[in-house]
Amino acid sequence: MGLWRGLMRGAKAFAESLAEGPEPFHYVAGDLKVACPHCQGDLFHQGYALRNTRGRTLAGLDWTDGGATTLTCDRCGLIQWFGREPRRVEPKPKPGRDWSNE
């Protein structure tokens, strides 16, 4: 494969990964596996949201309100809010060829 063709394949793969967004993960909160209460899905996309109050918003002090971690179910889209950040469970590596030495 030529250099140009390899660069084009890499650029295309990078663009596709950006379009799809980050892959979902499993999470644990309070020593319990997080599951969606609507569809029982267990893969989530993590986000962050500002928790604000009317009084502070009226006074222009939104920045003093705390934030929360959100987990959006990959299957149905239900959003769950967490005051303490859940722990992401890293997937176990799939068996196969070890590319680290090449």
N, C-alpha and C. Protein backbone atom coordinates (compact mmCIF):
# COMPACT_ATOMS: atom_id res chain seq x y z
N MET A 1 0.85 -1.17 0.00
CA MET A 1 0.00 0.00 0.00
C MET A 1 0.90 1.23 0.00
N GLY A 2 0.58 2.17 -0.85
CA GLY A 2 1.37 3.39 -0.94
C GLY A 2 1.14 4.31 0.24
N LEU A 3 2.04 5.23 0.42
CA LEU A 3 1.94 6.18 1.53
C LEU A 3 0.66 7.00 1.44
N TRP A 4 0.35 7.52 0.27
CA TRP A 4 -0.84 8.34 0.11
C TRP A 4 -2.11 7.57 0.44
N ARG A 5 -2.19 6.35 -0.04
CA ARG A 5 -3.38 5.52 0.22
C ARG A 5 -3.51 5.22 1.72
N GLY A 6 -2.39 4.96 2.37
CA GLY A 6 -2.41 4.71 3.82
C GLY A 6 -2.86 5.94 4.60
N LEU A 7 -2.39 7.11 4.20
CA LEU A 7 -2.82 8.35 4.85
C LEU A 7 -4.31 8.59 4.66
N MET A 8 -4.81 8.32 3.47
CA MET A 8 -6.23 8.50 3.20
C MET A 8 -7.09 7.54 4.02
N ARG A 9 -6.64 6.29 4.15
CA ARG A 9 -7.38 5.32 4.98
C ARG A 9 -7.41 5.78 6.43
N GLY A 10 -6.26 6.27 6.93
CA GLY A 10 -6.20 6.75 8.31
C GLY A 10 -7.10 7.96 8.53
N ALA A 11 -7.10 8.89 7.58
CA ALA A 11 -7.95 10.08 7.70
C ALA A 11 -9.42 9.70 7.68
N LYS A 12 -9.79 8.74 6.83
CA LYS A 12 -11.18 8.30 6.75
C LYS A 12 -11.60 7.62 8.06
N ALA A 13 -10.75 6.77 8.62
CA ALA A 13 -11.07 6.10 9.89
C ALA A 13 -11.21 7.11 11.02
N PHE A 14 -10.35 8.12 11.03
CA PHE A 14 -10.42 9.16 12.06
C PHE A 14 -11.73 9.93 11.94
N ALA A 15 -12.12 10.31 10.73
CA ALA A 15 -13.37 11.05 10.52
C ALA A 15 -14.57 10.22 10.93
N GLU A 16 -14.56 8.93 10.63
CA GLU A 16 -15.68 8.07 11.01
C GLU A 16 -15.78 7.93 12.52
N SER A 17 -14.64 7.87 13.21
CA SER A 17 -14.68 7.74 14.67
C SER A 17 -15.22 9.02 15.31
N LEU A 18 -14.92 10.18 14.72
CA LEU A 18 -15.47 11.43 15.24
C LEU A 18 -16.97 11.51 15.01
N ALA A 19 -17.44 11.02 13.88
CA ALA A 19 -18.86 11.07 13.56
C ALA A 19 -19.67 10.16 14.49
N GLU A 20 -19.09 9.03 14.86
CA GLU A 20 -19.80 8.08 15.72
C GLU A 20 -19.78 8.52 17.18
N GLY A 21 -18.83 9.33 17.57
CA GLY A 21 -18.70 9.76 18.95
C GLY A 21 -17.98 8.70 19.77
N PRO A 22 -17.74 9.01 21.04
CA PRO A 22 -17.03 8.05 21.87
C PRO A 22 -17.86 6.80 22.11
N GLU A 23 -17.17 5.70 22.22
CA GLU A 23 -17.90 4.45 22.44
C GLU A 23 -18.45 4.41 23.86
N PRO A 24 -19.55 3.71 24.08
CA PRO A 24 -20.14 3.62 25.42
C PRO A 24 -19.34 2.67 26.31
N PHE A 25 -19.47 2.86 27.62
CA PHE A 25 -18.78 2.03 28.60
C PHE A 25 -19.74 1.56 29.68
N HIS A 26 -19.28 0.57 30.45
CA HIS A 26 -19.98 0.13 31.66
C HIS A 26 -19.51 1.02 32.80
N TYR A 27 -20.39 1.25 33.80
CA TYR A 27 -20.05 2.10 34.94
C TYR A 27 -20.49 1.44 36.24
N VAL A 28 -19.82 1.84 37.33
CA VAL A 28 -20.15 1.39 38.68
C VAL A 28 -20.34 2.63 39.54
N ALA A 29 -21.42 2.65 40.32
CA ALA A 29 -21.69 3.75 41.26
C ALA A 29 -22.09 3.15 42.59
N GLY A 30 -21.43 3.57 43.66
CA GLY A 30 -21.75 3.03 44.98
C GLY A 30 -21.58 1.53 45.05
N ASP A 31 -20.56 1.01 44.41
CA ASP A 31 -20.25 -0.43 44.37
C ASP A 31 -21.31 -1.28 43.67
N LEU A 32 -22.19 -0.64 42.91
CA LEU A 32 -23.20 -1.36 42.14
C LEU A 32 -23.05 -1.03 40.67
N LYS A 33 -23.23 -2.03 39.82
CA LYS A 33 -23.18 -1.81 38.37
C LYS A 33 -24.35 -0.93 37.97
N VAL A 34 -24.09 0.12 37.19
CA VAL A 34 -25.15 1.01 36.74
C VAL A 34 -25.92 0.34 35.60
N ALA A 35 -27.24 0.35 35.72
CA ALA A 35 -28.12 -0.20 34.68
C ALA A 35 -29.25 0.79 34.44
N CYS A 36 -29.75 0.84 33.24
CA CYS A 36 -30.84 1.74 32.90
C CYS A 36 -32.15 1.22 33.51
N PRO A 37 -32.86 2.06 34.27
CA PRO A 37 -34.12 1.61 34.86
C PRO A 37 -35.24 1.44 33.83
N HIS A 38 -35.06 1.99 32.64
CA HIS A 38 -36.11 1.90 31.61
C HIS A 38 -35.97 0.64 30.75
N CYS A 39 -34.73 0.39 30.23
CA CYS A 39 -34.56 -0.73 29.30
C CYS A 39 -33.56 -1.78 29.80
N GLN A 40 -33.00 -1.58 30.99
CA GLN A 40 -32.01 -2.48 31.59
C GLN A 40 -30.69 -2.51 30.80
N GLY A 41 -30.46 -1.51 29.94
CA GLY A 41 -29.19 -1.42 29.23
C GLY A 41 -28.05 -1.17 30.21
N ASP A 42 -26.84 -1.56 29.83
CA ASP A 42 -25.71 -1.36 30.74
C ASP A 42 -24.52 -0.66 30.08
N LEU A 43 -24.74 -0.05 28.93
CA LEU A 43 -23.70 0.73 28.26
C LEU A 43 -24.13 2.19 28.22
N PHE A 44 -23.22 3.09 28.62
CA PHE A 44 -23.57 4.50 28.77
C PHE A 44 -22.50 5.41 28.20
N HIS A 45 -22.95 6.61 27.80
CA HIS A 45 -22.06 7.70 27.40
C HIS A 45 -22.04 8.69 28.55
N GLN A 46 -20.84 9.08 28.98
CA GLN A 46 -20.70 9.98 30.12
C GLN A 46 -20.73 11.43 29.67
N GLY A 47 -21.35 12.27 30.49
CA GLY A 47 -21.40 13.70 30.24
C GLY A 47 -21.31 14.46 31.55
N TYR A 48 -21.41 15.77 31.47
CA TYR A 48 -21.34 16.62 32.66
C TYR A 48 -22.39 17.72 32.51
N ALA A 49 -23.09 18.03 33.58
CA ALA A 49 -24.12 19.06 33.54
C ALA A 49 -24.02 19.94 34.78
N LEU A 50 -24.41 21.18 34.63
CA LEU A 50 -24.41 22.12 35.74
C LEU A 50 -25.75 22.03 36.46
N ARG A 51 -25.69 21.88 37.77
CA ARG A 51 -26.91 21.91 38.58
C ARG A 51 -27.08 23.35 39.03
N ASN A 52 -28.16 24.02 38.60
CA ASN A 52 -28.30 25.41 39.02
C ASN A 52 -29.61 25.62 39.77
N THR A 53 -29.66 26.73 40.48
CA THR A 53 -30.84 27.09 41.26
C THR A 53 -31.39 28.42 40.72
N ARG A 54 -32.66 28.64 40.91
CA ARG A 54 -33.30 29.87 40.40
C ARG A 54 -32.68 31.12 41.01
N GLY A 55 -32.43 31.09 42.29
CA GLY A 55 -31.89 32.28 42.97
C GLY A 55 -30.52 32.67 42.45
N ARG A 56 -29.65 31.70 42.30
CA ARG A 56 -28.31 32.00 41.80
C ARG A 56 -28.33 32.38 40.32
N THR A 57 -29.25 31.79 39.57
CA THR A 57 -29.38 32.16 38.17
C THR A 57 -29.84 33.61 38.05
N LEU A 58 -30.83 34.00 38.86
CA LEU A 58 -31.34 35.37 38.85
C LEU A 58 -30.24 36.36 39.21
N ALA A 59 -29.37 35.97 40.16
CA ALA A 59 -28.28 36.86 40.59
C ALA A 59 -27.06 36.77 39.67
N GLY A 60 -27.12 35.91 38.65
CA GLY A 60 -25.99 35.77 37.74
C GLY A 60 -24.83 34.98 38.34
N LEU A 61 -25.14 34.13 39.30
CA LEU A 61 -24.10 33.36 39.99
C LEU A 61 -24.18 31.87 39.67
N ASP A 62 -24.56 31.53 38.44
CA ASP A 62 -24.66 30.13 38.05
C ASP A 62 -23.37 29.36 38.29
N TRP A 63 -22.25 30.03 38.13
CA TRP A 63 -20.95 29.37 38.25
C TRP A 63 -20.70 28.85 39.66
N THR A 64 -21.45 29.34 40.66
CA THR A 64 -21.24 28.86 42.03
C THR A 64 -21.97 27.55 42.30
N ASP A 65 -22.89 27.18 41.42
CA ASP A 65 -23.60 25.91 41.59
C ASP A 65 -22.69 24.75 41.21
N GLY A 66 -22.90 23.62 41.84
CA GLY A 66 -22.10 22.44 41.55
C GLY A 66 -22.51 21.77 40.25
N GLY A 67 -21.73 20.81 39.84
CA GLY A 67 -22.03 20.05 38.63
C GLY A 67 -22.40 18.62 38.98
N ALA A 68 -22.82 17.89 37.97
CA ALA A 68 -23.17 16.49 38.15
C ALA A 68 -22.71 15.71 36.92
N THR A 69 -22.38 14.46 37.14
CA THR A 69 -22.04 13.57 36.04
C THR A 69 -23.34 12.98 35.51
N THR A 70 -23.47 12.94 34.19
CA THR A 70 -24.64 12.31 33.58
C THR A 70 -24.20 11.08 32.80
N LEU A 71 -25.02 10.06 32.84
CA LEU A 71 -24.82 8.86 32.03
C LEU A 71 -26.04 8.69 31.15
N THR A 72 -25.82 8.65 29.84
CA THR A 72 -26.91 8.49 28.87
C THR A 72 -26.88 7.06 28.34
N CYS A 73 -27.99 6.39 28.48
CA CYS A 73 -28.09 4.99 28.04
C CYS A 73 -27.88 4.91 26.53
N ASP A 74 -27.02 4.00 26.12
CA ASP A 74 -26.71 3.83 24.70
C ASP A 74 -27.89 3.21 23.96
N ARG A 75 -28.74 2.47 24.65
CA ARG A 75 -29.86 1.77 23.99
C ARG A 75 -31.08 2.67 23.83
N CYS A 76 -31.52 3.34 24.90
CA CYS A 76 -32.78 4.10 24.82
C CYS A 76 -32.61 5.61 25.00
N GLY A 77 -31.45 6.06 25.46
CA GLY A 77 -31.22 7.50 25.58
C GLY A 77 -31.60 8.11 26.91
N LEU A 78 -32.10 7.31 27.86
CA LEU A 78 -32.45 7.85 29.17
C LEU A 78 -31.21 8.42 29.85
N ILE A 79 -31.33 9.60 30.45
CA ILE A 79 -30.21 10.25 31.12
C ILE A 79 -30.37 10.09 32.63
N GLN A 80 -29.31 9.62 33.29
CA GLN A 80 -29.28 9.51 34.74
C GLN A 80 -28.24 10.50 35.27
N TRP A 81 -28.57 11.16 36.39
CA TRP A 81 -27.68 12.15 36.99
C TRP A 81 -27.03 11.56 38.25
N PHE A 82 -25.75 11.85 38.46
CA PHE A 82 -25.01 11.36 39.62
C PHE A 82 -24.26 12.52 40.28
N GLY A 83 -24.48 12.68 41.59
CA GLY A 83 -23.77 13.71 42.35
C GLY A 83 -22.30 13.37 42.56
N ARG A 84 -22.00 12.09 42.65
CA ARG A 84 -20.62 11.60 42.71
C ARG A 84 -20.32 10.90 41.40
N GLU A 85 -19.14 11.15 40.86
CA GLU A 85 -18.80 10.58 39.55
C GLU A 85 -18.71 9.07 39.60
N PRO A 86 -19.48 8.37 38.77
CA PRO A 86 -19.38 6.91 38.71
C PRO A 86 -18.02 6.49 38.14
N ARG A 87 -17.61 5.30 38.48
CA ARG A 87 -16.33 4.77 37.99
C ARG A 87 -16.56 4.02 36.70
N ARG A 88 -15.78 4.37 35.68
CA ARG A 88 -15.88 3.69 34.39
C ARG A 88 -15.15 2.36 34.47
N VAL A 89 -15.78 1.31 33.98
CA VAL A 89 -15.18 -0.02 33.96
C VAL A 89 -14.54 -0.20 32.59
N GLU A 90 -13.22 -0.31 32.57
CA GLU A 90 -12.50 -0.47 31.31
C GLU A 90 -12.73 -1.88 30.77
N PRO A 91 -12.94 -1.98 29.46
CA PRO A 91 -13.14 -3.32 28.88
C PRO A 91 -11.84 -4.13 28.94
N LYS A 92 -12.01 -5.42 29.09
CA LYS A 92 -10.84 -6.31 29.09
C LYS A 92 -10.33 -6.43 27.67
N PRO A 93 -9.01 -6.47 27.49
CA PRO A 93 -8.49 -6.60 26.12
C PRO A 93 -8.94 -7.90 25.48
N LYS A 94 -9.26 -7.83 24.20
CA LYS A 94 -9.69 -9.02 23.48
C LYS A 94 -8.45 -9.85 23.13
N PRO A 95 -8.58 -11.17 23.25
CA PRO A 95 -7.43 -12.01 22.88
C PRO A 95 -7.15 -11.87 21.39
N GLY A 96 -5.90 -11.96 21.05
CA GLY A 96 -5.52 -11.83 19.65
C GLY A 96 -4.06 -11.47 19.54
N ARG A 97 -3.70 -10.94 18.42
CA ARG A 97 -2.31 -10.61 18.14
C ARG A 97 -1.85 -9.43 18.98
N ASP A 98 -0.66 -9.52 19.54
CA ASP A 98 -0.08 -8.46 20.33
C ASP A 98 0.70 -7.52 19.40
N TRP A 99 0.19 -6.33 19.21
CA TRP A 99 0.80 -5.36 18.30
C TRP A 99 1.77 -4.43 19.02
N SER A 100 1.94 -4.56 20.32
CA SER A 100 2.76 -3.62 21.08
C SER A 100 4.24 -3.70 20.73
N ASN A 101 4.72 -4.83 20.25
CA ASN A 101 6.14 -4.98 19.94
C ASN A 101 6.47 -4.69 18.49
N GLU A 102 5.51 -4.23 17.71
CA GLU A 102 5.77 -4.01 16.28
C GLU A 102 5.80 -2.55 15.94
